[in-house]
Amino acid sequence: MALLLVDYLKAFGWGLVGAITMAISLWILLKVFTWLTPVDEWEELKKGNLGIAIIMAAVIIGFAIVVGSMVAPPPIAP
């Protein structure tokens, strides 16, 4: 029973580490993206610019796809 609790705590700890790491890396991604583009995306988002919102969402989803493919386990060979 104690080993099961330790396993659950380890899983929770790694999940917390993953969430914090993902938040920090997403923050860095958005800072770099904002730095590279000539438009102030955050001001445009405050104005309600839907085009900028779609582009920012595409950047975040693209980042999630790359991270998800890196984290996924390798396929099992038959």
C-alpha atoms as a PDB file:
ATOM      1  CA  MET A   1       0.000   0.000   0.000  1.00  0.00           C
ATOM      2  CA  ALA A   2       2.817   2.405   0.827  1.00  0.00           C
ATOM      3  CA  LEU A   3       4.488   1.755  -2.531  1.00  0.00           C
ATOM      4  CA  LEU A   4       1.268   2.657  -4.327  1.00  0.00           C
ATOM      5  CA  LEU A   5       1.090   5.953  -2.455  1.00  0.00           C
ATOM      6  CA  VAL A   6       4.722   6.682  -3.345  1.00  0.00           C
ATOM      7  CA  ASP A   7       3.973   5.951  -7.002  1.00  0.00           C
ATOM      8  CA  TYR A   8       0.997   8.316  -6.939  1.00  0.00           C
ATOM      9  CA  LEU A   9       3.095  11.049  -5.322  1.00  0.00           C
ATOM     10  CA  LYS A  10       5.817  10.562  -7.936  1.00  0.00           C
ATOM     11  CA  ALA A  11       3.264  10.803 -10.747  1.00  0.00           C
ATOM     12  CA  PHE A  12       1.762  13.941  -9.209  1.00  0.00           C
ATOM     13  CA  GLY A  13       5.230  15.454  -8.767  1.00  0.00           C
ATOM     14  CA  TRP A  14       6.236  14.761 -12.359  1.00  0.00           C
ATOM     15  CA  GLY A  15       2.917  16.144 -13.564  1.00  0.00           C
ATOM     16  CA  LEU A  16       3.528  19.320 -11.584  1.00  0.00           C
ATOM     17  CA  VAL A  17       7.073  19.615 -12.964  1.00  0.00           C
ATOM     18  CA  GLY A  18       5.716  19.103 -16.490  1.00  0.00           C
ATOM     19  CA  ALA A  19       3.031  21.752 -16.045  1.00  0.00           C
ATOM     20  CA  ILE A  20       5.500  24.314 -14.695  1.00  0.00           C
ATOM     21  CA  THR A  21       8.015  23.547 -17.443  1.00  0.00           C
ATOM     22  CA  MET A  22       5.316  23.839 -20.118  1.00  0.00           C
ATOM     23  CA  ALA A  23       4.127  27.173 -18.716  1.00  0.00           C
ATOM     24  CA  ILE A  24       7.646  28.599 -18.660  1.00  0.00           C
ATOM     25  CA  SER A  25       8.466  27.371 -22.159  1.00  0.00           C
ATOM     26  CA  LEU A  26       5.165  28.718 -23.513  1.00  0.00           C
ATOM     27  CA  TRP A  27       5.929  32.088 -21.925  1.00  0.00           C
ATOM     28  CA  ILE A  28       9.377  32.092 -23.581  1.00  0.00           C
ATOM     29  CA  LEU A  29       7.817  31.107 -26.936  1.00  0.00           C
ATOM     30  CA  LEU A  30       5.331  33.977 -26.809  1.00  0.00           C
ATOM     31  CA  LYS A  31       8.038  36.470 -25.787  1.00  0.00           C
ATOM     32  CA  VAL A  32      10.264  35.392 -28.701  1.00  0.00           C
ATOM     33  CA  PHE A  33       7.314  35.429 -31.132  1.00  0.00           C
ATOM     34  CA  THR A  34       6.341  38.928 -29.995  1.00  0.00           C
ATOM     35  CA  TRP A  35       9.963  40.064 -30.308  1.00  0.00           C
ATOM     36  CA  LEU A  36      10.274  38.713 -33.874  1.00  0.00           C
ATOM     37  CA  THR A  37       7.097  40.255 -35.274  1.00  0.00           C
ATOM     38  CA  PRO A  38       6.703  43.963 -36.079  1.00  0.00           C
ATOM     39  CA  VAL A  39       3.186  44.136 -34.607  1.00  0.00           C
ATOM     40  CA  ASP A  40       2.386  44.501 -30.899  1.00  0.00           C
ATOM     41  CA  GLU A  41       0.183  41.425 -30.594  1.00  0.00           C
ATOM     42  CA  TRP A  42      -0.972  42.138 -27.051  1.00  0.00           C
ATOM     43  CA  GLU A  43      -2.285  45.598 -27.941  1.00  0.00           C
ATOM     44  CA  GLU A  44      -4.037  44.168 -30.978  1.00  0.00           C
ATOM     45  CA  LEU A  45      -5.604  41.440 -28.831  1.00  0.00           C
ATOM     46  CA  LYS A  46      -6.853  44.086 -26.394  1.00  0.00           C
ATOM     47  CA  LYS A  47      -8.457  45.883 -29.368  1.00  0.00           C
ATOM     48  CA  GLY A  48     -10.234  42.660 -30.342  1.00  0.00           C
ATOM     49  CA  ASN A  49      -8.264  41.876 -33.517  1.00  0.00           C
ATOM     50  CA  LEU A  50      -9.498  38.398 -34.480  1.00  0.00           C
ATOM     51  CA  GLY A  51      -6.722  37.810 -37.037  1.00  0.00           C
ATOM     52  CA  ILE A  52      -3.986  38.232 -34.423  1.00  0.00           C
ATOM     53  CA  ALA A  53      -5.933  35.993 -32.034  1.00  0.00           C
ATOM     54  CA  ILE A  54      -6.051  33.240 -34.661  1.00  0.00           C
ATOM     55  CA  ILE A  55      -2.316  33.579 -35.357  1.00  0.00           C
ATOM     56  CA  MET A  56      -1.443  33.442 -31.644  1.00  0.00           C
ATOM     57  CA  ALA A  57      -3.684  30.383 -31.219  1.00  0.00           C
ATOM     58  CA  ALA A  58      -1.971  28.713 -34.192  1.00  0.00           C
ATOM     59  CA  VAL A  59       1.452  29.391 -32.666  1.00  0.00           C
ATOM     60  CA  ILE A  60       0.370  27.873 -29.341  1.00  0.00           C
ATOM     61  CA  ILE A  61      -1.243  24.836 -31.004  1.00  0.00           C
ATOM     62  CA  GLY A  62       1.820  24.319 -33.213  1.00  0.00           C
ATOM     63  CA  PHE A  63       4.030  24.421 -30.141  1.00  0.00           C
ATOM     64  CA  ALA A  64       1.773  21.909 -28.401  1.00  0.00           C
ATOM     65  CA  ILE A  65       1.937  19.544 -31.387  1.00  0.00           C
ATOM     66  CA  VAL A  66       5.741  19.670 -31.404  1.00  0.00           C
ATOM     67  CA  VAL A  67       5.994  19.107 -27.656  1.00  0.00           C
ATOM     68  CA  GLY A  68       3.376  16.343 -27.806  1.00  0.00           C
ATOM     69  CA  SER A  69       5.264  14.506 -30.535  1.00  0.00           C
ATOM     70  CA  MET A  70       8.477  14.765 -28.523  1.00  0.00           C
ATOM     71  CA  VAL A  71       6.858  13.425 -25.360  1.00  0.00           C
ATOM     72  CA  ALA A  72       4.898  10.597 -27.002  1.00  0.00           C
ATOM     73  CA  PRO A  73       6.319   7.116 -26.566  1.00  0.00           C
ATOM     74  CA  PRO A  74       7.966   5.561 -29.617  1.00  0.00           C
ATOM     75  CA  PRO A  75       5.859   3.174 -31.687  1.00  0.00           C
ATOM     76  CA  ILE A  76       6.222  -0.492 -30.838  1.00  0.00           C
ATOM     77  CA  ALA A  77       7.721  -2.515 -33.680  1.00  0.00           C
ATOM     78  CA  PRO A  78       5.752  -5.657 -34.596  1.00  0.00           C
END
